[in-house]
Amino acid sequence: MTTIPDITIIGGGVIGLLTARELINAGATVTVIDKNRLGQESSWAGGGILLPLYPWRQADAISRLVLQSLILYPNLAAQLTADTGLDPEWTPCGLLITKNPDITAAINWCESNRIRFEQAGPEFFSALKTQPEKPLWLPEIAQMRNPRLLKSLKQDLINKGVTLIEHSELTAVTITDQRISAISTTTGQYGVNELIVATGAWTGQLFQGIFSDLIGAKPKVSPVKGQMLVFDAEPDTLSHIVLDGDRYLIPRRDGKILVGSTVEQDSFNKTTTTSARDSLSKFALEILPALQNYPLQHHWAGIRPGSEYGVPYIGKHPEISNLSINAGHFRNGLAMAPASAQLIVDLVLNRPTAVAPEPYQLSRAD
């Protein structure tokens, strides 16, 4: 006889995996189902900066989740390393923002949210070739090496008894009396107690298809492609993240330097382009001439879950009593992930929330 888990999660990216971890730590039984391999979509493809680009230009709802995640990340990384032996490389390397024409808004945001900042002096630009404009140095901003975070999360869930089902695509749902009683997938049918949809860029498509009969709001989530590069540099070529205009460099502990990124409305096409490679490479070699000594190692593309103003949908469905959603994080999925997982689990388990839930409700899509 097959036991139905307390919670079934559709989607095994960083949002789904952290939601599963929060639930299993609360004593629930959990199954995660993904249409491909766990963590191989947007979660794997991103850069791992744990702060939105220019957060004072973003919706406040994004900041609320990011700031709570900043509190949660150090302990999360330490626990994953201790429990799995796989270090996700949470690294508080600091962030240099070279150009801040809206410096007053930037400083106000940092002060009101207790983010340490300093004016960036000439010493920050000895190896960089750019024209700084009111530059800011945020010394405590960290990065996470997202592919390693995903590996450690997956191992942690395996160790804790979460059922992980890969290469299993959702094809239908059975709804009785405003509840989902079962789901059909390409690997079979599964009974459901509670269902959480954490399907990233595919969420809008899912609700227009499988959940098309639902009355009321549907999440407005659409795919947005991003392309990135990595140079195989040596350690200490660059010691901190650099944000210059709409492009950035991210140094990993082993010396590799990521270059990002493009923003393209391009459906689910993950094909890389020569034009993006040349543009990103030109930026990187111009701003950090030392990269001319190192090979371009890899060029890839990922699909982000675009949403209105980049604010995710996190909450219970207003019509189906056992359906919830945690999706639509756009460019800041990693930066918002721990708090997003905490919030949806607080709502599902009827616990007090650390972040006010109202800005993320599905009803705003009406």
Protein backbone atom coordinates (compact mmCIF):
# COMPACT_ATOMS: atom_id res chain seq x y z
CA MET A 1 0.00 0.00 0.00
CA THR A 2 1.39 3.42 -1.00
CA THR A 3 1.32 6.08 1.70
CA ILE A 4 0.26 9.53 0.55
CA PRO A 5 2.74 12.17 1.77
CA ASP A 6 1.60 15.14 3.81
CA ILE A 7 2.88 17.50 1.12
CA THR A 8 3.59 16.98 -2.57
CA ILE A 9 5.71 19.63 -4.29
CA ILE A 10 5.75 20.02 -8.06
CA GLY A 11 9.07 21.58 -9.06
CA GLY A 12 12.55 20.76 -7.79
CA GLY A 13 14.47 24.00 -8.18
CA VAL A 14 15.92 25.91 -5.25
CA ILE A 15 12.43 27.15 -4.28
CA GLY A 16 10.92 23.66 -4.27
CA LEU A 17 13.89 22.05 -2.53
CA LEU A 18 14.08 24.66 0.23
CA THR A 19 10.32 24.41 0.69
CA ALA A 20 10.70 20.64 1.07
CA ARG A 21 13.49 21.14 3.60
CA GLU A 22 11.42 23.57 5.65
CA LEU A 23 8.52 21.09 5.67
CA ILE A 24 10.57 18.02 6.56
CA ASN A 25 12.22 19.97 9.39
CA ALA A 26 8.69 20.77 10.64
CA GLY A 27 7.87 17.06 10.78
CA ALA A 28 5.91 16.64 7.54
CA THR A 29 6.38 13.86 5.00
CA VAL A 30 7.26 15.26 1.59
CA THR A 31 7.52 14.17 -2.05
CA VAL A 32 9.15 16.41 -4.68
CA ILE A 33 8.35 15.75 -8.35
CA ASP A 34 10.25 17.41 -11.20
CA LYS A 35 9.76 17.09 -14.94
CA ASN A 36 13.53 17.00 -15.52
CA ARG A 37 16.48 16.63 -13.16
CA LEU A 38 16.28 18.45 -9.85
CA GLY A 39 17.74 21.95 -9.84
CA GLN A 40 18.75 22.06 -13.50
CA GLU A 41 16.74 25.06 -14.69
CA SER A 42 16.93 28.67 -13.49
CA SER A 43 18.33 27.66 -10.08
CA TRP A 44 21.42 26.12 -11.66
CA ALA A 45 21.90 28.78 -14.33
CA GLY A 46 21.94 31.93 -12.19
CA GLY A 47 24.86 33.78 -10.68
CA GLY A 48 24.14 33.51 -6.95
CA ILE A 49 24.33 37.14 -5.81
CA LEU A 50 22.31 37.34 -2.60
CA LEU A 51 20.98 40.82 -3.25
CA PRO A 52 18.84 42.19 -6.08
CA LEU A 53 20.59 44.46 -8.56
CA TYR A 54 19.92 47.97 -7.23
CA PRO A 55 17.31 46.85 -4.66
CA TRP A 56 16.15 50.45 -4.07
CA ARG A 57 14.76 50.35 -7.62
CA GLN A 58 12.76 47.19 -6.92
CA ALA A 59 9.39 46.60 -5.29
CA ASP A 60 9.49 46.65 -1.50
CA ALA A 61 7.97 43.15 -1.46
CA ILE A 62 11.21 41.87 -2.97
CA SER A 63 13.27 43.55 -0.26
CA ARG A 64 11.17 41.99 2.52
CA LEU A 65 11.97 38.46 1.31
CA VAL A 66 15.61 39.25 0.55
CA LEU A 67 16.30 40.78 3.95
CA GLN A 68 14.75 37.82 5.74
CA SER A 69 16.79 35.46 3.55
CA LEU A 70 19.97 37.34 4.47
CA ILE A 71 19.24 36.43 8.08
CA LEU A 72 18.60 32.77 7.25
CA TYR A 73 21.41 32.04 4.78
CA PRO A 74 24.50 31.80 7.05
CA ASN A 75 22.94 29.16 9.29
CA LEU A 76 21.44 27.35 6.30
CA ALA A 77 24.84 27.10 4.62
CA ALA A 78 26.54 25.97 7.81
CA GLN A 79 23.91 23.29 8.48
CA LEU A 80 24.04 21.94 4.93
CA THR A 81 27.82 21.73 5.05
CA ALA A 82 27.79 19.96 8.41
CA ASP A 83 24.98 17.56 7.50
CA THR A 84 26.03 16.63 3.96
CA GLY A 85 29.73 17.38 3.67
CA LEU A 86 28.89 19.43 0.56
CA ASP A 87 29.78 23.10 1.01
CA PRO A 88 27.40 25.41 -0.90
CA GLU A 89 30.05 28.13 -0.67
CA TRP A 90 28.12 30.90 1.01
CA THR A 91 30.75 33.65 0.70
CA PRO A 92 30.36 37.16 2.14
CA CYS A 93 32.79 38.64 -0.37
CA GLY A 94 31.14 42.07 -0.62
CA LEU A 95 29.59 43.93 -3.54
CA LEU A 96 31.03 46.95 -5.37
CA ILE A 97 28.44 49.02 -7.25
CA THR A 98 30.42 51.26 -9.56
CA LYS A 99 27.68 53.65 -10.72
CA ASN A 100 24.90 55.06 -8.55
CA PRO A 101 23.23 58.07 -10.17
CA ASP A 102 20.41 57.65 -7.62
CA ILE A 103 22.82 57.68 -4.70
CA THR A 104 20.33 59.26 -2.27
CA ALA A 105 17.81 56.47 -2.82
CA ALA A 106 20.61 53.90 -2.49
CA ILE A 107 21.83 55.28 0.83
CA ASN A 108 18.30 55.65 2.18
CA TRP A 109 17.56 52.02 1.33
CA CYS A 110 20.75 50.79 2.96
CA GLU A 111 20.19 52.85 6.09
CA SER A 112 16.52 51.90 6.50
CA ASN A 113 17.30 48.20 6.02
CA ARG A 114 20.51 48.17 8.08
CA ILE A 115 22.73 47.19 5.18
CA ARG A 116 26.27 48.32 5.85
CA PHE A 117 27.72 50.55 3.14
CA GLU A 118 30.76 52.72 2.49
CA GLN A 119 31.91 55.06 -0.22
CA ALA A 120 34.19 53.10 -2.54
CA GLY A 121 37.58 54.79 -2.80
CA PRO A 122 40.18 54.69 -5.58
CA GLU A 123 41.69 51.46 -4.23
CA PHE A 124 38.68 49.55 -5.54
CA PHE A 125 39.41 50.60 -9.10
CA SER A 126 43.12 49.84 -9.46
CA ALA A 127 42.40 46.66 -11.44
CA LEU A 128 39.13 47.82 -13.01
CA LYS A 129 38.65 49.92 -16.10
CA THR A 130 35.40 51.85 -15.71
CA GLN A 131 34.17 55.34 -14.97
CA PRO A 132 32.82 55.23 -11.42
CA GLU A 133 29.90 57.45 -10.50
CA LYS A 134 29.24 57.77 -6.77
CA PRO A 135 30.37 54.16 -6.18
CA LEU A 136 29.20 52.19 -3.16
CA TRP A 137 30.85 49.30 -1.35
CA LEU A 138 28.54 46.87 0.48
CA PRO A 139 31.06 44.77 2.43
CA GLU A 140 28.69 42.21 3.94
CA ILE A 141 26.79 41.14 0.80
CA ALA A 142 27.33 37.47 0.06
CA GLN A 143 27.06 35.08 -2.84
CA MET A 144 26.09 31.43 -3.01
CA ARG A 145 27.56 28.98 -5.52
CA ASN A 146 24.17 27.85 -6.70
CA PRO A 147 25.08 24.51 -8.36
CA ARG A 148 26.74 23.41 -5.12
CA LEU A 149 23.82 24.65 -3.05
CA LEU A 150 21.52 22.48 -5.15
CA LYS A 151 23.76 19.43 -4.70
CA SER A 152 23.88 19.87 -0.94
CA LEU A 153 20.13 20.51 -0.72
CA LYS A 154 19.36 17.38 -2.71
CA GLN A 155 21.64 15.28 -0.51
CA ASP A 156 20.15 16.78 2.65
CA LEU A 157 16.64 15.87 1.52
CA ILE A 158 17.70 12.34 0.63
CA ASN A 159 19.29 11.98 4.07
CA LYS A 160 16.09 13.18 5.73
CA GLY A 161 13.80 10.81 3.85
CA VAL A 162 12.17 13.12 1.30
CA THR A 163 10.99 11.22 -1.78
CA LEU A 164 12.50 12.77 -4.91
CA ILE A 165 11.00 11.85 -8.29
CA GLU A 166 12.78 13.13 -11.40
CA HIS A 167 11.81 13.05 -15.09
CA SER A 168 8.13 13.02 -14.16
CA GLU A 169 5.94 15.64 -15.81
CA LEU A 170 2.57 16.65 -14.42
CA THR A 171 -0.16 15.85 -16.95
CA ALA A 172 -3.47 16.16 -15.07
CA VAL A 173 -5.08 16.82 -11.70
CA THR A 174 -8.16 15.24 -10.15
CA ILE A 175 -10.28 17.80 -8.28
CA THR A 176 -13.18 16.80 -6.05
CA ASP A 177 -15.13 19.21 -3.84
CA GLN A 178 -12.60 22.02 -4.26
CA ARG A 179 -9.70 19.74 -3.37
CA ILE A 180 -7.02 18.00 -5.42
CA SER A 181 -7.23 14.32 -4.59
CA ALA A 182 -4.68 13.00 -7.08
CA ILE A 183 -2.25 14.04 -9.79
CA SER A 184 -1.30 12.22 -12.97
CA THR A 185 2.27 12.33 -14.27
CA THR A 186 4.32 10.67 -16.96
CA THR A 187 5.51 8.18 -14.31
CA GLY A 188 2.10 7.36 -12.86
CA GLN A 189 -0.65 8.65 -10.60
CA TYR A 190 -0.07 9.90 -7.07
CA GLY A 191 -2.51 10.65 -4.25
CA VAL A 192 -2.35 14.14 -2.76
CA ASN A 193 -3.01 15.64 0.66
CA GLU A 194 -1.51 19.09 0.04
CA LEU A 195 -0.01 20.25 -3.26
CA ILE A 196 2.51 23.07 -3.66
CA VAL A 197 3.37 24.31 -7.14
CA ALA A 198 6.96 25.57 -7.37
CA THR A 199 7.45 25.26 -11.11
CA GLY A 200 9.34 28.46 -11.85
CA ALA A 201 9.10 29.75 -15.41
CA TRP A 202 6.64 26.98 -16.34
CA THR A 203 4.03 28.10 -13.78
CA GLY A 204 2.01 30.34 -16.07
CA GLN A 205 1.90 27.64 -18.74
CA LEU A 206 0.84 25.07 -16.15
CA PHE A 207 -2.08 27.15 -14.93
CA GLN A 208 -3.20 27.95 -18.48
CA GLY A 209 -3.13 24.24 -19.28
CA ILE A 210 -3.64 21.70 -16.50
CA PHE A 211 -5.32 24.19 -14.15
CA SER A 212 -7.22 26.03 -16.89
CA ASP A 213 -10.63 25.11 -15.46
CA LEU A 214 -9.97 26.93 -12.20
CA ILE A 215 -12.05 30.04 -11.71
CA GLY A 216 -10.38 33.25 -10.66
CA ALA A 217 -6.80 34.44 -10.61
CA LYS A 218 -3.98 32.62 -12.35
CA PRO A 219 -0.32 33.46 -11.77
CA LYS A 220 1.16 35.65 -14.49
CA VAL A 221 4.53 33.96 -14.83
CA SER A 222 6.35 33.84 -18.15
CA PRO A 223 9.81 32.70 -19.32
CA VAL A 224 12.68 35.19 -19.57
CA LYS A 225 15.99 33.90 -20.90
CA GLY A 226 19.34 34.92 -19.44
CA GLN A 227 22.78 34.10 -20.81
CA MET A 228 26.03 34.00 -18.81
CA LEU A 229 29.74 33.24 -19.22
CA VAL A 230 32.49 31.97 -16.95
CA PHE A 231 36.23 32.61 -17.24
CA ASP A 232 38.68 30.08 -15.80
CA ALA A 233 40.72 32.59 -13.82
CA GLU A 234 43.04 32.06 -10.88
CA PRO A 235 42.10 32.75 -7.25
CA ASP A 236 42.43 36.40 -6.20
CA THR A 237 42.06 37.71 -9.75
CA LEU A 238 38.97 39.41 -8.31
CA SER A 239 38.02 39.34 -4.64
CA HIS A 240 34.46 40.69 -4.67
CA ILE A 241 31.34 41.04 -6.81
CA VAL A 242 31.34 43.98 -9.22
CA LEU A 243 28.11 45.50 -10.54
CA ASP A 244 28.67 47.97 -13.38
CA GLY A 245 25.53 49.26 -15.10
CA ASP A 246 23.39 46.23 -15.90
CA ARG A 247 26.29 43.74 -16.00
CA TYR A 248 28.28 42.07 -13.24
CA LEU A 249 31.27 39.88 -12.36
CA ILE A 250 31.08 37.22 -9.65
CA PRO A 251 34.33 35.60 -8.40
CA ARG A 252 34.09 32.06 -7.03
CA ARG A 253 36.43 30.78 -4.35
CA ASP A 254 38.42 28.72 -6.88
CA GLY A 255 39.04 31.78 -9.06
CA LYS A 256 36.42 31.24 -11.74
CA ILE A 257 34.65 34.49 -12.64
CA LEU A 258 31.05 34.54 -13.82
CA VAL A 259 29.84 37.25 -16.17
CA GLY A 260 26.17 38.16 -16.43
CA SER A 261 23.73 38.54 -17.85
CA THR A 262 21.22 39.10 -20.61
CA VAL A 263 17.45 39.56 -20.21
CA GLU A 264 15.56 38.18 -23.21
CA GLN A 265 11.86 37.55 -23.80
CA ASP A 266 12.44 34.28 -25.63
CA SER A 267 9.87 31.64 -24.57
CA PHE A 268 11.61 28.45 -23.40
CA ASN A 269 14.50 28.60 -25.85
CA LYS A 270 17.79 27.98 -24.05
CA THR A 271 19.95 28.29 -27.15
CA THR A 272 23.00 30.47 -26.59
CA THR A 273 23.83 33.19 -29.11
CA THR A 274 27.07 34.57 -30.49
CA SER A 275 25.86 38.13 -29.99
CA ALA A 276 25.27 37.58 -26.26
CA ARG A 277 28.61 35.83 -25.85
CA ASP A 278 30.45 38.66 -27.60
CA SER A 279 28.63 41.36 -25.63
CA LEU A 280 29.24 39.74 -22.24
CA SER A 281 32.85 38.90 -23.10
CA LYS A 282 33.52 42.45 -24.29
CA PHE A 283 32.14 43.85 -21.04
CA ALA A 284 34.23 41.47 -18.92
CA LEU A 285 37.52 42.02 -20.75
CA GLU A 286 37.09 45.77 -20.78
CA ILE A 287 36.21 46.22 -17.13
CA LEU A 288 38.70 43.62 -15.83
CA PRO A 289 41.63 43.51 -18.28
CA ALA A 290 43.29 40.73 -16.26
CA LEU A 291 40.73 38.35 -17.75
CA GLN A 292 42.59 38.58 -21.05
CA ASN A 293 45.05 36.11 -19.50
CA TYR A 294 42.40 33.43 -18.93
CA PRO A 295 40.22 31.31 -21.20
CA LEU A 296 36.48 31.67 -21.60
CA GLN A 297 35.41 28.31 -20.20
CA HIS A 298 31.66 28.09 -20.69
CA HIS A 299 28.63 29.94 -22.05
CA TRP A 300 25.10 28.93 -21.08
CA ALA A 301 21.50 30.10 -20.89
CA GLY A 302 18.73 29.64 -18.35
CA ILE A 303 15.04 30.48 -18.16
CA ARG A 304 13.90 32.81 -15.38
CA PRO A 305 10.32 32.91 -14.06
CA GLY A 306 9.30 36.44 -15.01
CA SER A 307 6.48 38.05 -13.01
CA GLU A 308 4.97 41.51 -12.64
CA TYR A 309 7.57 43.75 -10.97
CA GLY A 310 9.56 40.59 -10.13
CA VAL A 311 7.31 39.88 -7.12
CA PRO A 312 6.63 36.14 -6.64
CA TYR A 313 3.33 34.45 -5.90
CA ILE A 314 3.46 32.79 -2.49
CA GLY A 315 0.29 31.58 -0.83
CA LYS A 316 -2.75 29.36 -0.86
CA HIS A 317 -5.02 29.18 -3.87
CA PRO A 318 -8.30 31.05 -3.18
CA GLU A 319 -10.46 28.33 -4.78
CA ILE A 320 -8.72 24.97 -4.23
CA SER A 321 -8.30 24.40 -0.51
CA ASN A 322 -5.20 22.19 -0.67
CA LEU A 323 -3.33 23.97 -3.48
CA SER A 324 -0.56 26.51 -2.85
CA ILE A 325 1.99 28.28 -5.02
CA ASN A 326 5.58 29.43 -4.55
CA ALA A 327 6.76 30.72 -7.92
CA GLY A 328 7.56 33.78 -10.06
CA HIS A 329 10.80 35.00 -8.46
CA PHE A 330 12.27 36.34 -11.74
CA ARG A 331 15.95 37.33 -11.28
CA ASN A 332 16.02 36.99 -7.48
CA GLY A 333 15.00 33.41 -6.79
CA LEU A 334 18.19 32.55 -4.93
CA ALA A 335 18.19 35.82 -2.99
CA MET A 336 14.57 35.31 -1.88
CA ALA A 337 14.54 31.51 -1.59
CA PRO A 338 14.94 30.79 2.15
CA ALA A 339 12.34 33.38 3.16
CA SER A 340 9.99 32.28 0.36
CA ALA A 341 10.18 28.69 1.58
CA GLN A 342 9.65 29.80 5.16
CA LEU A 343 6.64 31.91 4.19
CA ILE A 344 4.79 29.26 2.19
CA VAL A 345 5.37 26.65 4.90
CA ASP A 346 4.18 29.08 7.58
CA LEU A 347 0.99 29.57 5.56
CA VAL A 348 0.42 25.88 4.82
CA LEU A 349 1.04 24.88 8.44
CA ASN A 350 -0.88 27.88 9.83
CA ARG A 351 2.14 29.27 11.67
CA PRO A 352 2.82 32.97 12.31
CA THR A 353 4.75 34.44 9.40
CA ALA A 354 8.09 36.26 9.58
CA VAL A 355 7.19 38.23 6.43
CA ALA A 356 3.75 39.77 5.83
CA PRO A 357 2.08 37.54 3.19
CA GLU A 358 -0.31 40.02 1.56
CA PRO A 359 1.94 41.31 -1.28
CA TYR A 360 2.45 37.78 -2.66
CA GLN A 361 -1.15 36.57 -2.78
CA LEU A 362 -2.44 35.03 -5.99
CA SER A 363 -5.48 37.32 -5.89
CA ARG A 364 -3.33 40.23 -7.06
CA ALA A 365 -3.27 38.58 -10.51
CA ASP A 366 -6.97 39.42 -10.99
